[in-house]
Amino acid sequence: MNTFQDFDAREFRNALGSFATGVTIITARAADGAPVGITANSFSSVSLDPPMVLWSLAKSARSLAVFEQAAHWAVHVLGAGQEALSARFARSGTDKFAGLDAGIGIAGLPLLEGCAARFQCQLAHVYEGGDHLIFVGRVLQFERSEQPPLAFHRGGYADIAPRAAARAA
């Protein structure tokens, strides 16, 4: 068993990888109007009333300043088969929106199509979380599809399908 004093960062990350997550892309507009987006799996619901969600971003991320200043952002829950889109937005230093047919949402938010769900949010709070900032937003608008989600587990993409018994219930 590892204790805080002897944490091995790689082993800690591997242990966290045992928890399967969804895969999201967070988008916003920079002050100059340029669309910005990143891949994140740190997304979670916070509250139903009012409707709120959260996600986090490393303080070392190149796009951190954009998200710190953005009053609005969108969370796109990726669907099965969108691994290439996830990888595209995980890379730095490229125009991630080049060749994409992105829509426009609340406050000019860049919106990606074909996702399992999408949440357009207004920034409510930013909290310190160690080497990350935690962004909490109030959901202003959302939509969802019946598309199964893309998942991430133990360092790789995974598909999730409901169990037959759960579908019948």
N, C-alpha and C. Protein backbone atom coordinates (compact mmCIF):
# COMPACT_ATOMS: atom_id res chain seq x y z
N MET A 1 0.84 -1.17 0.00
CA MET A 1 0.00 0.00 0.00
C MET A 1 0.89 1.24 0.00
N ASN A 2 0.51 2.22 -0.81
CA ASN A 2 1.26 3.48 -0.86
C ASN A 2 0.64 4.50 0.08
N THR A 3 1.50 5.20 0.80
CA THR A 3 1.04 6.31 1.62
C THR A 3 1.44 7.61 0.96
N PHE A 4 0.85 8.70 1.39
CA PHE A 4 1.09 9.99 0.74
C PHE A 4 2.57 10.30 0.60
N GLN A 5 3.37 9.99 1.62
CA GLN A 5 4.78 10.34 1.59
C GLN A 5 5.56 9.61 0.50
N ASP A 6 5.12 8.42 0.13
CA ASP A 6 5.88 7.66 -0.86
C ASP A 6 5.11 7.41 -2.15
N PHE A 7 4.20 8.32 -2.48
CA PHE A 7 3.44 8.17 -3.73
C PHE A 7 4.38 8.15 -4.92
N ASP A 8 4.18 7.20 -5.77
CA ASP A 8 4.82 7.19 -7.08
C ASP A 8 3.78 7.77 -8.04
N ALA A 9 4.10 8.88 -8.69
CA ALA A 9 3.12 9.57 -9.54
C ALA A 9 2.55 8.66 -10.63
N ARG A 10 3.38 7.84 -11.25
CA ARG A 10 2.92 6.95 -12.31
C ARG A 10 1.95 5.92 -11.75
N GLU A 11 2.28 5.34 -10.60
CA GLU A 11 1.40 4.34 -9.98
C GLU A 11 0.08 4.97 -9.54
N PHE A 12 0.14 6.20 -9.03
CA PHE A 12 -1.08 6.91 -8.64
C PHE A 12 -1.97 7.11 -9.85
N ARG A 13 -1.36 7.53 -10.96
CA ARG A 13 -2.12 7.73 -12.20
C ARG A 13 -2.72 6.40 -12.67
N ASN A 14 -1.96 5.33 -12.58
CA ASN A 14 -2.48 4.01 -12.97
C ASN A 14 -3.66 3.60 -12.09
N ALA A 15 -3.57 3.88 -10.80
CA ALA A 15 -4.69 3.56 -9.90
C ALA A 15 -5.92 4.37 -10.27
N LEU A 16 -5.74 5.65 -10.57
CA LEU A 16 -6.87 6.48 -11.00
C LEU A 16 -7.48 5.95 -12.29
N GLY A 17 -6.64 5.39 -13.16
CA GLY A 17 -7.11 4.83 -14.42
C GLY A 17 -8.03 3.64 -14.26
N SER A 18 -8.09 3.08 -13.07
CA SER A 18 -9.02 1.98 -12.81
C SER A 18 -10.47 2.45 -12.80
N PHE A 19 -10.66 3.77 -12.64
CA PHE A 19 -12.00 4.35 -12.67
C PHE A 19 -12.31 4.77 -14.10
N ALA A 20 -13.26 4.11 -14.73
CA ALA A 20 -13.63 4.45 -16.11
C ALA A 20 -14.33 5.81 -16.12
N THR A 21 -13.98 6.62 -17.10
CA THR A 21 -14.60 7.94 -17.24
C THR A 21 -15.13 8.11 -18.66
N GLY A 22 -15.92 9.12 -18.84
CA GLY A 22 -16.30 9.54 -20.17
C GLY A 22 -15.18 10.39 -20.75
N VAL A 23 -15.33 10.76 -22.00
CA VAL A 23 -14.37 11.64 -22.66
C VAL A 23 -15.13 12.86 -23.15
N THR A 24 -14.61 14.03 -22.83
CA THR A 24 -15.27 15.27 -23.25
C THR A 24 -14.30 16.17 -23.99
N ILE A 25 -14.88 17.09 -24.73
CA ILE A 25 -14.13 18.21 -25.29
C ILE A 25 -14.79 19.47 -24.75
N ILE A 26 -13.97 20.35 -24.19
CA ILE A 26 -14.45 21.62 -23.65
C ILE A 26 -14.06 22.70 -24.65
N THR A 27 -15.03 23.54 -25.05
CA THR A 27 -14.74 24.61 -26.00
C THR A 27 -15.13 25.96 -25.42
N ALA A 28 -14.44 26.99 -25.91
CA ALA A 28 -14.72 28.38 -25.51
C ALA A 28 -14.20 29.28 -26.62
N ARG A 29 -14.37 30.57 -26.44
CA ARG A 29 -13.80 31.57 -27.36
C ARG A 29 -12.75 32.37 -26.62
N ALA A 30 -11.62 32.56 -27.26
CA ALA A 30 -10.57 33.42 -26.72
C ALA A 30 -11.02 34.88 -26.85
N ALA A 31 -10.33 35.77 -26.18
CA ALA A 31 -10.67 37.19 -26.22
C ALA A 31 -10.64 37.74 -27.64
N ASP A 32 -9.78 37.17 -28.50
CA ASP A 32 -9.69 37.63 -29.89
C ASP A 32 -10.73 36.96 -30.79
N GLY A 33 -11.60 36.13 -30.21
CA GLY A 33 -12.65 35.47 -30.98
C GLY A 33 -12.29 34.10 -31.52
N ALA A 34 -11.04 33.69 -31.36
CA ALA A 34 -10.62 32.39 -31.87
C ALA A 34 -11.24 31.26 -31.04
N PRO A 35 -11.69 30.19 -31.71
CA PRO A 35 -12.22 29.05 -30.96
C PRO A 35 -11.08 28.27 -30.29
N VAL A 36 -11.33 27.80 -29.09
CA VAL A 36 -10.35 27.04 -28.32
C VAL A 36 -11.04 25.78 -27.81
N GLY A 37 -10.31 24.67 -27.80
CA GLY A 37 -10.89 23.44 -27.29
C GLY A 37 -9.83 22.50 -26.75
N ILE A 38 -10.22 21.72 -25.75
CA ILE A 38 -9.32 20.74 -25.15
C ILE A 38 -10.09 19.46 -24.85
N THR A 39 -9.39 18.35 -24.84
CA THR A 39 -9.98 17.08 -24.42
C THR A 39 -9.81 16.95 -22.91
N ALA A 40 -10.87 16.51 -22.24
CA ALA A 40 -10.82 16.35 -20.78
C ALA A 40 -11.67 15.16 -20.37
N ASN A 41 -11.23 14.45 -19.34
CA ASN A 41 -12.07 13.39 -18.78
C ASN A 41 -12.42 13.69 -17.33
N SER A 42 -12.18 14.92 -16.91
CA SER A 42 -12.44 15.32 -15.53
C SER A 42 -13.81 15.96 -15.35
N PHE A 43 -14.78 15.54 -16.12
CA PHE A 43 -16.13 16.12 -16.11
C PHE A 43 -17.02 15.41 -15.10
N SER A 44 -17.87 16.18 -14.42
CA SER A 44 -18.81 15.58 -13.47
C SER A 44 -20.01 16.50 -13.26
N SER A 45 -21.14 15.90 -12.91
CA SER A 45 -22.30 16.70 -12.51
C SER A 45 -22.06 17.21 -11.09
N VAL A 46 -22.65 18.36 -10.78
CA VAL A 46 -22.52 18.96 -9.46
C VAL A 46 -23.89 19.08 -8.80
N SER A 47 -24.87 19.60 -9.55
CA SER A 47 -26.17 19.92 -8.96
C SER A 47 -27.25 19.82 -10.02
N LEU A 48 -28.44 19.41 -9.59
CA LEU A 48 -29.61 19.42 -10.47
C LEU A 48 -30.38 20.72 -10.36
N ASP A 49 -30.34 21.35 -9.18
CA ASP A 49 -31.09 22.59 -8.96
C ASP A 49 -30.26 23.56 -8.14
N PRO A 50 -29.55 24.50 -8.77
CA PRO A 50 -29.57 24.74 -10.21
C PRO A 50 -28.71 23.71 -10.94
N PRO A 51 -28.94 23.54 -12.24
CA PRO A 51 -28.14 22.58 -13.00
C PRO A 51 -26.69 23.07 -13.14
N MET A 52 -25.76 22.29 -12.60
CA MET A 52 -24.35 22.68 -12.63
C MET A 52 -23.47 21.47 -12.92
N VAL A 53 -22.35 21.73 -13.61
CA VAL A 53 -21.35 20.71 -13.91
C VAL A 53 -19.97 21.27 -13.59
N LEU A 54 -18.98 20.37 -13.54
CA LEU A 54 -17.60 20.82 -13.34
C LEU A 54 -16.65 20.04 -14.22
N TRP A 55 -15.48 20.61 -14.41
CA TRP A 55 -14.36 19.95 -15.09
C TRP A 55 -13.09 20.63 -14.60
N SER A 56 -11.94 20.02 -14.83
CA SER A 56 -10.70 20.64 -14.36
C SER A 56 -9.67 20.67 -15.48
N LEU A 57 -8.73 21.60 -15.31
CA LEU A 57 -7.67 21.80 -16.31
C LEU A 57 -6.36 22.03 -15.58
N ALA A 58 -5.29 21.40 -16.06
CA ALA A 58 -3.97 21.56 -15.47
C ALA A 58 -3.53 23.03 -15.54
N LYS A 59 -2.91 23.49 -14.48
CA LYS A 59 -2.41 24.87 -14.47
C LYS A 59 -1.33 25.07 -15.52
N SER A 60 -0.72 24.00 -15.99
CA SER A 60 0.32 24.08 -17.01
C SER A 60 -0.24 24.10 -18.43
N ALA A 61 -1.55 23.94 -18.60
CA ALA A 61 -2.16 23.88 -19.94
C ALA A 61 -1.99 25.20 -20.68
N ARG A 62 -1.66 25.12 -21.95
CA ARG A 62 -1.47 26.32 -22.77
C ARG A 62 -2.74 27.14 -22.88
N SER A 63 -3.88 26.50 -22.82
CA SER A 63 -5.17 27.19 -22.98
C SER A 63 -5.76 27.68 -21.66
N LEU A 64 -5.05 27.53 -20.56
CA LEU A 64 -5.60 27.88 -19.25
C LEU A 64 -6.10 29.32 -19.20
N ALA A 65 -5.33 30.26 -19.70
CA ALA A 65 -5.72 31.68 -19.63
C ALA A 65 -7.04 31.93 -20.34
N VAL A 66 -7.27 31.25 -21.46
CA VAL A 66 -8.53 31.42 -22.19
C VAL A 66 -9.71 30.99 -21.32
N PHE A 67 -9.59 29.82 -20.70
CA PHE A 67 -10.70 29.32 -19.89
C PHE A 67 -10.87 30.12 -18.59
N GLU A 68 -9.78 30.66 -18.05
CA GLU A 68 -9.90 31.51 -16.86
C GLU A 68 -10.68 32.78 -17.16
N GLN A 69 -10.57 33.28 -18.40
CA GLN A 69 -11.23 34.53 -18.77
C GLN A 69 -12.59 34.32 -19.44
N ALA A 70 -12.90 33.11 -19.83
CA ALA A 70 -14.15 32.85 -20.56
C ALA A 70 -15.35 32.86 -19.61
N ALA A 71 -16.37 33.63 -19.97
CA ALA A 71 -17.61 33.66 -19.18
C ALA A 71 -18.49 32.46 -19.50
N HIS A 72 -18.27 31.84 -20.66
CA HIS A 72 -19.06 30.69 -21.10
C HIS A 72 -18.14 29.63 -21.68
N TRP A 73 -18.55 28.37 -21.57
CA TRP A 73 -17.87 27.26 -22.22
C TRP A 73 -18.87 26.15 -22.45
N ALA A 74 -18.52 25.26 -23.36
CA ALA A 74 -19.39 24.12 -23.70
C ALA A 74 -18.65 22.82 -23.42
N VAL A 75 -19.39 21.86 -22.90
CA VAL A 75 -18.86 20.51 -22.66
C VAL A 75 -19.52 19.59 -23.66
N HIS A 76 -18.72 18.90 -24.46
CA HIS A 76 -19.20 17.94 -25.45
C HIS A 76 -18.85 16.54 -24.97
N VAL A 77 -19.83 15.74 -24.64
CA VAL A 77 -19.61 14.35 -24.23
C VAL A 77 -19.47 13.54 -25.52
N LEU A 78 -18.28 12.99 -25.74
CA LEU A 78 -18.04 12.28 -26.99
C LEU A 78 -18.75 10.93 -27.01
N GLY A 79 -19.12 10.54 -28.21
CA GLY A 79 -19.80 9.27 -28.42
C GLY A 79 -18.84 8.21 -28.93
N ALA A 80 -19.29 6.98 -28.88
CA ALA A 80 -18.51 5.86 -29.40
C ALA A 80 -18.09 6.17 -30.83
N GLY A 81 -16.85 5.89 -31.14
CA GLY A 81 -16.34 6.14 -32.49
C GLY A 81 -15.73 7.52 -32.68
N GLN A 82 -15.69 8.35 -31.64
CA GLN A 82 -15.12 9.70 -31.78
C GLN A 82 -13.71 9.80 -31.20
N GLU A 83 -12.98 8.70 -31.24
CA GLU A 83 -11.60 8.70 -30.75
C GLU A 83 -10.73 9.70 -31.49
N ALA A 84 -10.89 9.80 -32.80
CA ALA A 84 -10.06 10.73 -33.59
C ALA A 84 -10.31 12.18 -33.17
N LEU A 85 -11.56 12.51 -32.88
CA LEU A 85 -11.88 13.87 -32.42
C LEU A 85 -11.25 14.12 -31.05
N SER A 86 -11.31 13.14 -30.17
CA SER A 86 -10.67 13.25 -28.86
C SER A 86 -9.17 13.49 -29.02
N ALA A 87 -8.52 12.69 -29.85
CA ALA A 87 -7.07 12.82 -30.07
C ALA A 87 -6.72 14.17 -30.68
N ARG A 88 -7.54 14.64 -31.59
CA ARG A 88 -7.31 15.94 -32.24
C ARG A 88 -7.28 17.06 -31.21
N PHE A 89 -8.23 17.06 -30.26
CA PHE A 89 -8.30 18.13 -29.27
C PHE A 89 -7.36 17.91 -28.09
N ALA A 90 -6.73 16.74 -28.03
CA ALA A 90 -5.72 16.47 -26.99
C ALA A 90 -4.35 17.00 -27.40
N ARG A 91 -4.15 17.24 -28.69
CA ARG A 91 -2.86 17.75 -29.18
C ARG A 91 -2.76 19.25 -28.93
N SER A 92 -1.55 19.73 -28.74
CA SER A 92 -1.35 21.17 -28.59
C SER A 92 -0.61 21.71 -29.81
N GLY A 93 -0.77 23.00 -30.02
CA GLY A 93 -0.03 23.65 -31.09
C GLY A 93 -0.62 23.52 -32.48
N THR A 94 -1.83 23.00 -32.61
CA THR A 94 -2.45 22.88 -33.92
C THR A 94 -3.79 23.60 -33.91
N ASP A 95 -4.29 23.94 -35.11
CA ASP A 95 -5.63 24.52 -35.22
C ASP A 95 -6.62 23.36 -35.14
N LYS A 96 -7.15 23.15 -33.99
CA LYS A 96 -8.02 22.00 -33.74
C LYS A 96 -9.34 22.09 -34.49
N PHE A 97 -9.73 23.29 -34.89
CA PHE A 97 -11.01 23.47 -35.57
C PHE A 97 -10.87 23.47 -37.10
N ALA A 98 -9.65 23.39 -37.62
CA ALA A 98 -9.43 23.41 -39.07
C ALA A 98 -10.19 22.27 -39.73
N GLY A 99 -11.04 22.61 -40.68
CA GLY A 99 -11.79 21.61 -41.42
C GLY A 99 -13.01 21.06 -40.71
N LEU A 100 -13.27 21.48 -39.49
CA LEU A 100 -14.46 21.02 -38.76
C LEU A 100 -15.64 21.93 -39.04
N ASP A 101 -16.80 21.35 -39.11
CA ASP A 101 -18.04 22.11 -39.29
C ASP A 101 -18.62 22.37 -37.90
N ALA A 102 -18.10 23.42 -37.24
CA ALA A 102 -18.54 23.73 -35.88
C ALA A 102 -19.70 24.71 -35.93
N GLY A 103 -20.69 24.46 -35.10
CA GLY A 103 -21.81 25.38 -34.97
C GLY A 103 -21.47 26.50 -34.00
N ILE A 104 -22.44 27.38 -33.78
CA ILE A 104 -22.25 28.49 -32.86
C ILE A 104 -23.37 28.46 -31.83
N GLY A 105 -22.99 28.52 -30.57
CA GLY A 105 -23.95 28.45 -29.48
C GLY A 105 -24.06 29.75 -28.71
N ILE A 106 -24.50 29.64 -27.48
CA ILE A 106 -24.67 30.78 -26.59
C ILE A 106 -23.36 31.57 -26.51
N ALA A 107 -23.47 32.89 -26.60
CA ALA A 107 -22.30 33.78 -26.49
C ALA A 107 -21.22 33.43 -27.51
N GLY A 108 -21.62 32.85 -28.66
CA GLY A 108 -20.66 32.53 -29.71
C GLY A 108 -19.84 31.28 -29.47
N LEU A 109 -20.25 30.44 -28.53
CA LEU A 109 -19.50 29.22 -28.24
C LEU A 109 -19.35 28.34 -29.48
N PRO A 110 -18.15 27.83 -29.74
CA PRO A 110 -17.99 26.85 -30.81
C PRO A 110 -18.59 25.51 -30.36
N LEU A 111 -19.48 24.97 -31.19
CA LEU A 111 -20.17 23.72 -30.85
C LEU A 111 -19.80 22.63 -31.84
N LEU A 112 -19.43 21.48 -31.32
CA LEU A 112 -19.09 20.32 -32.14
C LEU A 112 -20.33 19.47 -32.32
N GLU A 113 -20.45 18.88 -33.50
CA GLU A 113 -21.63 18.08 -33.84
C GLU A 113 -21.36 16.60 -33.61
N GLY A 114 -22.44 15.83 -33.51
CA GLY A 114 -22.34 14.37 -33.45
C GLY A 114 -21.94 13.80 -32.11
N CYS A 115 -22.08 14.56 -31.05
CA CYS A 115 -21.68 14.09 -29.72
C CYS A 115 -22.85 13.38 -29.03
N ALA A 116 -22.53 12.63 -27.99
CA ALA A 116 -23.56 11.94 -27.22
C ALA A 116 -24.40 12.93 -26.41
N ALA A 117 -23.76 14.01 -25.95
CA ALA A 117 -24.47 15.07 -25.22
C ALA A 117 -23.63 16.34 -25.29
N ARG A 118 -24.30 17.45 -25.02
CA ARG A 118 -23.60 18.74 -25.05
C ARG A 118 -24.24 19.67 -24.02
N PHE A 119 -23.40 20.38 -23.27
CA PHE A 119 -23.86 21.30 -22.24
C PHE A 119 -23.23 22.67 -22.49
N GLN A 120 -24.06 23.69 -22.64
CA GLN A 120 -23.57 25.06 -22.78
C GLN A 120 -23.71 25.72 -21.42
N CYS A 121 -22.61 26.26 -20.92
CA CYS A 121 -22.55 26.70 -19.53
C CYS A 121 -22.05 28.13 -19.38
N GLN A 122 -22.46 28.73 -18.28
CA GLN A 122 -21.93 30.02 -17.85
C GLN A 122 -21.06 29.76 -16.63
N LEU A 123 -19.86 30.33 -16.63
CA LEU A 123 -18.95 30.12 -15.52
C LEU A 123 -19.58 30.60 -14.21
N ALA A 124 -19.53 29.76 -13.19
CA ALA A 124 -20.06 30.12 -11.87
C ALA A 124 -18.93 30.28 -10.85
N HIS A 125 -17.95 29.35 -10.87
CA HIS A 125 -16.86 29.38 -9.89
C HIS A 125 -15.61 28.76 -10.50
N VAL A 126 -14.46 29.19 -10.00
CA VAL A 126 -13.18 28.54 -10.30
C VAL A 126 -12.51 28.29 -8.96
N TYR A 127 -12.07 27.06 -8.75
CA TYR A 127 -11.43 26.68 -7.49
C TYR A 127 -10.04 26.13 -7.75
N GLU A 128 -9.14 26.33 -6.79
CA GLU A 128 -7.82 25.72 -6.81
C GLU A 128 -7.98 24.25 -6.49
N GLY A 129 -7.26 23.41 -7.19
CA GLY A 129 -7.27 21.98 -6.91
C GLY A 129 -5.89 21.40 -7.15
N GLY A 130 -4.93 21.74 -6.29
CA GLY A 130 -3.57 21.25 -6.47
C GLY A 130 -2.96 21.81 -7.74
N ASP A 131 -2.56 20.93 -8.66
CA ASP A 131 -1.94 21.39 -9.91
C ASP A 131 -2.98 21.67 -11.00
N HIS A 132 -4.27 21.70 -10.63
CA HIS A 132 -5.36 21.98 -11.57
C HIS A 132 -6.23 23.12 -11.06
N LEU A 133 -7.00 23.71 -11.96
CA LEU A 133 -8.09 24.60 -11.61
C LEU A 133 -9.38 23.85 -11.90
N ILE A 134 -10.35 23.99 -11.03
CA ILE A 134 -11.65 23.33 -11.18
C ILE A 134 -12.67 24.38 -11.60
N PHE A 135 -13.28 24.17 -12.76
CA PHE A 135 -14.26 25.10 -13.32
C PHE A 135 -15.66 24.55 -13.06
N VAL A 136 -16.50 25.35 -12.44
CA VAL A 136 -17.89 24.97 -12.18
C VAL A 136 -18.77 25.91 -13.00
N GLY A 137 -19.69 25.34 -13.74
CA GLY A 137 -20.57 26.16 -14.58
C GLY A 137 -22.03 25.84 -14.39
N ARG A 138 -22.84 26.85 -14.59
CA ARG A 138 -24.29 26.67 -14.57
C ARG A 138 -24.71 26.30 -15.99
N VAL A 139 -25.44 25.22 -16.13
CA VAL A 139 -25.89 24.76 -17.45
C VAL A 139 -27.04 25.65 -17.91
N LEU A 140 -26.85 26.29 -19.07
CA LEU A 140 -27.88 27.15 -19.64
C LEU A 140 -28.71 26.42 -20.68
N GLN A 141 -28.09 25.47 -21.35
CA GLN A 141 -28.77 24.70 -22.39
C GLN A 141 -28.05 23.37 -22.54
N PHE A 142 -28.81 22.32 -22.84
CA PHE A 142 -28.18 21.02 -23.08
C PHE A 142 -28.99 20.24 -24.10
N GLU A 143 -28.34 19.29 -24.72
CA GLU A 143 -29.01 18.35 -25.61
C GLU A 143 -28.28 17.02 -25.51
N ARG A 144 -28.99 15.95 -25.86
CA ARG A 144 -28.38 14.62 -25.82
C ARG A 144 -28.92 13.80 -26.97
N SER A 145 -28.18 12.74 -27.29
CA SER A 145 -28.61 11.80 -28.32
C SER A 145 -28.68 10.42 -27.68
N GLU A 146 -29.08 9.45 -28.45
CA GLU A 146 -29.10 8.07 -27.97
C GLU A 146 -27.78 7.36 -28.24
N GLN A 147 -26.81 8.09 -28.78
CA GLN A 147 -25.50 7.53 -29.10
C GLN A 147 -24.80 7.07 -27.82
N PRO A 148 -24.23 5.87 -27.81
CA PRO A 148 -23.49 5.44 -26.62
C PRO A 148 -22.23 6.29 -26.44
N PRO A 149 -21.78 6.47 -25.19
CA PRO A 149 -20.63 7.33 -24.94
C PRO A 149 -19.31 6.65 -25.25
N LEU A 150 -18.30 7.48 -25.48
CA LEU A 150 -16.92 7.01 -25.56
C LEU A 150 -16.38 7.03 -24.13
N ALA A 151 -15.70 5.98 -23.74
CA ALA A 151 -15.16 5.89 -22.39
C ALA A 151 -13.64 5.80 -22.44
N PHE A 152 -13.02 6.08 -21.30
CA PHE A 152 -11.57 5.97 -21.15
C PHE A 152 -11.31 5.16 -19.89
N HIS A 153 -10.48 4.10 -20.03
CA HIS A 153 -10.23 3.20 -18.90
C HIS A 153 -8.83 2.62 -19.02
N ARG A 154 -8.07 2.72 -17.95
CA ARG A 154 -6.70 2.18 -17.90
C ARG A 154 -5.84 2.60 -19.08
N GLY A 155 -5.92 3.88 -19.40
CA GLY A 155 -5.04 4.44 -20.42
C GLY A 155 -5.49 4.26 -21.85
N GLY A 156 -6.69 3.76 -22.08
CA GLY A 156 -7.16 3.57 -23.44
C GLY A 156 -8.66 3.79 -23.57
N TYR A 157 -9.10 3.94 -24.80
CA TYR A 157 -10.52 4.14 -25.08
C TYR A 157 -11.28 2.83 -24.88
N ALA A 158 -12.53 2.97 -24.50
CA ALA A 158 -13.39 1.80 -24.30
C ALA A 158 -14.80 2.16 -24.73
N ASP A 159 -15.56 1.16 -25.09
CA ASP A 159 -16.97 1.36 -25.43
C ASP A 159 -17.82 0.88 -24.26
N ILE A 160 -18.95 1.54 -24.08
CA ILE A 160 -19.88 1.16 -23.02
C ILE A 160 -21.22 0.84 -23.68
N ALA A 161 -21.79 -0.28 -23.28
CA ALA A 161 -23.12 -0.65 -23.76
C ALA A 161 -23.96 -1.04 -22.56
N PRO A 162 -25.22 -0.64 -22.53
CA PRO A 162 -26.07 -1.04 -21.41
C PRO A 162 -26.28 -2.55 -21.39
N ARG A 163 -26.43 -3.10 -20.22
CA ARG A 163 -26.72 -4.52 -20.09
C ARG A 163 -28.16 -4.76 -20.51
N ALA A 164 -28.42 -5.94 -21.03
CA ALA A 164 -29.76 -6.27 -21.52
C ALA A 164 -30.81 -6.12 -20.43
N ALA A 165 -30.51 -6.55 -19.21
CA ALA A 165 -31.48 -6.45 -18.11
C ALA A 165 -31.79 -4.99 -17.79
N ALA A 166 -30.79 -4.13 -17.87
CA ALA A 166 -31.01 -2.71 -17.58
C ALA A 166 -31.90 -2.07 -18.63
N ARG A 167 -31.75 -2.49 -19.87
CA ARG A 167 -32.58 -1.93 -20.94
C ARG A 167 -34.04 -2.34 -20.78
N ALA A 168 -34.28 -3.55 -20.28
CA ALA A 168 -35.65 -4.03 -20.15
C ALA A 168 -36.37 -3.41 -18.96
N ALA A 169 -35.62 -2.93 -17.98
CA ALA A 169 -36.22 -2.37 -16.75
C ALA A 169 -36.91 -1.06 -16.95
